[in-house]
Amino acid sequence: MREGGAARSSLSSMRRHNPEVSARVAFAITLLVAPGTTFAVDAAVPRTPRPATLVLHRADLGAAYAGRGARVGNAAAARGAPTGFAAKLASWGRIDGYEVDFTRRTGSLQDGPLEIKSAANVYRSTAGARTAFAYARVHLVPRGYVPLALGVPLGDEARQWVSQGESGLGTLLSYVVIWREHNVDASIVLTGRVGVVSAADIAPLAQKQDSRIRAALHLQRR
């Protein structure tokens, strides 16, 4: 088996043997949000672009990656969450969400990230997204992730965490970045081998996704 195929097989095996961790991470990246930015449209009537248009595209990553995306409606977002979470989503005004999972299909384990998840969620208002962020920051960050400074501008405010763990591929690092633009929240999770990936890999991807969100919301350039 080629090394790229081995990487995909080992990642799949890691998910099967760590379902609880995988579920927590997937759940967190779908819902985590951060406070917003100055915008050029009327605050009382925010734009509501389709979440599927607000995530990373394959062209952002290159031909080495294959992606699978799916809508994340409120029912799916609340699945496995604490009791009463569906009602919270409704009260926050979450309209819809989308996430795409990119995995490396060619190249070696040393060529860059092995997996990249990109998510976007649209709320009816800035206030709802801000409330969701306050909840998510306390309750939805997976155990084992520690805060990490984010050295690039991203929204009005952004947060980053990193986690380290063992797998069949060796020691892996997972970086999580979350931010918000007006009534859209977004997140990226990047996973790769220690010594191969760093926070410098996730920052430009977050900026690309953020530019796509700002364009969809018709926000002024910074």
Protein backbone atom coordinates (compact mmCIF):
# COMPACT_ATOMS: atom_id res chain seq x y z
CA MET A 1 0.00 0.00 0.00
CA ARG A 2 1.32 3.47 -0.84
CA GLU A 3 2.09 5.78 2.08
CA GLY A 4 -0.89 8.04 1.28
CA GLY A 5 -3.20 5.00 1.42
CA ALA A 6 -1.64 3.95 4.70
CA ALA A 7 -2.30 7.40 6.11
CA ARG A 8 -6.00 7.21 5.20
CA SER A 9 -6.29 3.71 6.65
CA SER A 10 -4.60 4.69 9.92
CA LEU A 11 -6.74 7.81 10.28
CA SER A 12 -9.87 5.72 9.80
CA SER A 13 -8.64 3.22 12.36
CA MET A 14 -7.87 6.03 14.82
CA ARG A 15 -11.45 7.34 14.48
CA ARG A 16 -12.92 3.87 15.05
CA HIS A 17 -10.86 3.33 18.20
CA ASN A 18 -11.51 6.82 19.58
CA PRO A 19 -15.20 7.46 18.83
CA GLU A 20 -15.76 9.65 21.87
CA VAL A 21 -12.88 12.00 21.05
CA SER A 22 -13.86 12.17 17.36
CA ALA A 23 -17.46 12.95 18.25
CA ARG A 24 -16.48 15.72 20.67
CA VAL A 25 -14.17 17.36 18.13
CA ALA A 26 -16.72 17.15 15.30
CA PHE A 27 -19.44 18.51 17.56
CA ALA A 28 -17.27 21.36 18.79
CA ILE A 29 -16.12 22.56 15.37
CA THR A 30 -19.70 22.61 14.16
CA LEU A 31 -20.87 24.92 16.94
CA LEU A 32 -17.94 27.00 18.22
CA VAL A 33 -18.17 30.71 17.42
CA ALA A 34 -16.42 33.97 18.35
CA PRO A 35 -17.37 37.68 18.60
CA GLY A 36 -17.85 39.76 15.45
CA THR A 37 -16.67 42.62 13.26
CA THR A 38 -17.77 45.96 11.83
CA PHE A 39 -19.95 45.41 8.79
CA ALA A 40 -21.22 47.48 5.89
CA VAL A 41 -24.83 46.23 5.90
CA ASP A 42 -27.71 47.10 8.21
CA ALA A 43 -27.15 45.38 11.57
CA ALA A 44 -30.89 44.83 11.97
CA VAL A 45 -31.15 42.82 8.74
CA PRO A 46 -28.03 40.63 8.47
CA ARG A 47 -27.36 38.69 5.31
CA THR A 48 -27.97 34.94 5.42
CA PRO A 49 -25.74 33.28 2.80
CA ARG A 50 -25.84 29.50 2.35
CA PRO A 51 -23.33 27.89 4.76
CA ALA A 52 -22.10 25.54 2.01
CA THR A 53 -20.65 28.56 0.20
CA LEU A 54 -18.70 29.71 3.25
CA VAL A 55 -16.34 26.78 3.88
CA LEU A 56 -12.96 25.92 2.35
CA HIS A 57 -12.93 24.58 -1.22
CA ARG A 58 -10.66 21.94 -2.68
CA ALA A 59 -8.94 24.65 -4.72
CA ASP A 60 -7.86 26.22 -1.41
CA LEU A 61 -5.94 23.04 -0.50
CA GLY A 62 -4.74 21.54 -3.77
CA ALA A 63 -5.15 18.30 -5.72
CA ALA A 64 -3.63 16.16 -2.95
CA TYR A 65 -6.89 16.40 -0.96
CA ALA A 66 -10.34 14.94 -1.43
CA GLY A 67 -13.29 16.43 0.43
CA ARG A 68 -16.73 15.31 1.57
CA GLY A 69 -19.24 17.88 2.75
CA ALA A 70 -22.61 17.75 4.47
CA ARG A 71 -25.27 20.09 5.74
CA VAL A 72 -25.51 20.29 9.54
CA GLY A 73 -29.06 21.27 10.42
CA ASN A 74 -30.14 22.05 13.96
CA ALA A 75 -31.33 18.49 14.62
CA ALA A 76 -27.94 17.10 13.63
CA ALA A 77 -26.10 19.79 15.60
CA ALA A 78 -28.06 18.91 18.74
CA ARG A 79 -27.51 15.16 18.43
CA GLY A 80 -25.40 13.92 21.35
CA ALA A 81 -25.40 17.35 22.98
CA PRO A 82 -26.40 18.15 26.58
CA THR A 83 -30.10 18.03 27.40
CA GLY A 84 -31.93 21.12 26.21
CA PHE A 85 -29.35 22.04 23.60
CA ALA A 86 -31.85 21.91 20.72
CA ALA A 87 -33.91 24.56 22.50
CA LYS A 88 -30.78 26.68 22.96
CA LEU A 89 -30.02 26.49 19.24
CA ALA A 90 -33.54 27.67 18.48
CA SER A 91 -33.30 30.52 20.96
CA TRP A 92 -29.94 31.60 19.54
CA GLY A 93 -31.44 31.72 16.05
CA ARG A 94 -29.10 29.27 14.36
CA ILE A 95 -30.39 28.94 10.79
CA ASP A 96 -28.17 26.26 9.30
CA GLY A 97 -24.62 24.96 9.03
CA TYR A 98 -22.25 23.06 6.77
CA GLU A 99 -18.97 21.23 7.22
CA VAL A 100 -16.50 19.60 4.85
CA ASP A 101 -13.83 17.05 5.71
CA PHE A 102 -10.71 17.00 3.52
CA THR A 103 -8.24 14.09 3.71
CA ARG A 104 -4.87 13.72 2.00
CA ARG A 105 -5.11 11.16 -0.79
CA THR A 106 -1.63 11.46 -2.35
CA GLY A 107 1.89 12.10 -1.13
CA SER A 108 3.68 11.04 2.03
CA LEU A 109 3.05 11.56 5.71
CA GLN A 110 5.68 14.30 5.62
CA ASP A 111 3.99 16.37 2.91
CA GLY A 112 1.64 18.36 5.14
CA PRO A 113 -1.67 18.06 7.01
CA LEU A 114 -3.40 14.68 6.91
CA GLU A 115 -6.91 16.01 7.54
CA ILE A 116 -8.59 19.42 7.44
CA LYS A 117 -12.15 20.10 8.59
CA SER A 118 -13.88 23.37 7.70
CA ALA A 119 -17.28 24.45 9.05
CA ALA A 120 -19.58 27.46 8.83
CA ASN A 121 -22.84 28.32 10.59
CA VAL A 122 -25.31 31.13 9.95
CA TYR A 123 -27.35 32.82 12.71
CA ARG A 124 -30.22 35.26 12.40
CA SER A 125 -28.43 37.87 14.49
CA THR A 126 -25.09 38.88 15.90
CA ALA A 127 -26.51 38.65 19.41
CA GLY A 128 -27.48 35.01 18.92
CA ALA A 129 -24.03 34.09 17.65
CA ARG A 130 -22.40 35.92 20.57
CA THR A 131 -24.50 33.96 23.07
CA ALA A 132 -23.64 30.70 21.31
CA PHE A 133 -19.96 31.56 21.54
CA ALA A 134 -20.15 32.16 25.28
CA TYR A 135 -21.74 28.74 25.72
CA ALA A 136 -19.39 26.95 23.34
CA ARG A 137 -16.21 28.34 24.86
CA VAL A 138 -17.19 26.93 28.25
CA HIS A 139 -18.94 23.68 27.33
CA LEU A 140 -17.85 22.51 23.87
CA VAL A 141 -14.06 22.69 23.69
CA PRO A 142 -12.89 19.05 23.75
CA ARG A 143 -10.83 17.90 26.71
CA GLY A 144 -7.11 17.86 26.06
CA TYR A 145 -7.09 21.02 23.94
CA VAL A 146 -5.06 23.95 25.30
CA PRO A 147 -5.31 27.63 24.24
CA LEU A 148 -2.79 28.87 21.69
CA ALA A 149 -2.21 32.45 20.58
CA LEU A 150 -3.38 33.25 17.05
CA GLY A 151 -0.85 35.45 15.29
CA VAL A 152 -2.98 36.63 12.35
CA PRO A 153 -6.00 38.96 12.14
CA LEU A 154 -9.23 37.01 11.88
CA GLY A 155 -12.64 38.58 12.42
CA ASP A 156 -12.98 40.94 15.33
CA GLU A 157 -11.97 38.14 17.65
CA ALA A 158 -10.77 34.58 17.20
CA ARG A 159 -9.58 31.68 19.34
CA GLN A 160 -7.15 28.83 18.74
CA TRP A 161 -6.43 25.57 20.58
CA VAL A 162 -4.00 22.69 20.04
CA SER A 163 -3.97 19.06 21.16
CA GLN A 164 -1.36 16.30 20.92
CA GLY A 165 -2.06 12.57 20.83
CA GLU A 166 -0.71 9.22 19.70
CA SER A 167 -1.98 7.22 16.72
CA GLY A 168 -0.90 4.56 14.28
CA LEU A 169 0.84 7.33 12.35
CA GLY A 170 2.89 8.46 15.33
CA THR A 171 2.32 11.60 17.39
CA LEU A 172 -0.31 13.88 15.88
CA LEU A 173 -1.13 17.54 16.47
CA SER A 174 -4.65 18.92 16.01
CA TYR A 175 -5.17 22.66 15.75
CA VAL A 176 -8.62 24.27 16.12
CA VAL A 177 -9.35 27.86 15.08
CA ILE A 178 -12.75 29.53 15.56
CA TRP A 179 -13.96 33.01 14.65
CA ARG A 180 -17.04 35.03 13.73
CA GLU A 181 -17.92 37.59 11.09
CA HIS A 182 -21.21 39.33 11.92
CA ASN A 183 -23.85 36.54 12.03
CA VAL A 184 -21.59 33.81 10.53
CA ASP A 185 -19.34 31.66 12.70
CA ALA A 186 -16.61 29.46 11.27
CA SER A 187 -14.01 26.94 12.33
CA ILE A 188 -11.14 24.88 10.97
CA VAL A 189 -9.51 21.80 12.47
CA LEU A 190 -6.15 20.73 11.02
CA THR A 191 -4.42 17.45 11.93
CA GLY A 192 -0.94 16.25 11.03
CA ARG A 193 2.22 14.71 12.38
CA VAL A 194 4.44 16.43 14.94
CA GLY A 195 7.31 18.11 13.12
CA VAL A 196 5.27 18.35 9.91
CA VAL A 197 2.41 20.72 10.78
CA SER A 198 2.23 23.86 12.89
CA ALA A 199 -0.05 26.79 13.59
CA ALA A 200 1.47 28.42 10.51
CA ASP A 201 -0.40 25.87 8.36
CA ILE A 202 -3.87 26.65 9.65
CA ALA A 203 -3.62 30.46 9.72
CA PRO A 204 -3.63 31.08 5.93
CA LEU A 205 -6.50 28.63 5.46
CA ALA A 206 -8.56 30.45 8.07
CA GLN A 207 -7.84 33.74 6.32
CA LYS A 208 -8.97 32.28 2.97
CA GLN A 209 -12.21 31.07 4.49
CA ASP A 210 -12.71 34.36 6.28
CA SER A 211 -12.28 36.27 3.01
CA ARG A 212 -14.99 34.09 1.45
CA ILE A 213 -17.34 34.84 4.35
CA ARG A 214 -16.67 38.57 4.23
CA ALA A 215 -17.34 38.63 0.49
CA ALA A 216 -20.64 36.78 0.98
CA LEU A 217 -21.68 39.26 3.65
CA HIS A 218 -20.52 42.21 1.53
CA LEU A 219 -18.28 43.40 4.35
CA GLN A 220 -15.79 46.18 3.72
CA ARG A 221 -12.13 45.25 3.35
CA ARG A 222 -10.00 45.76 6.43
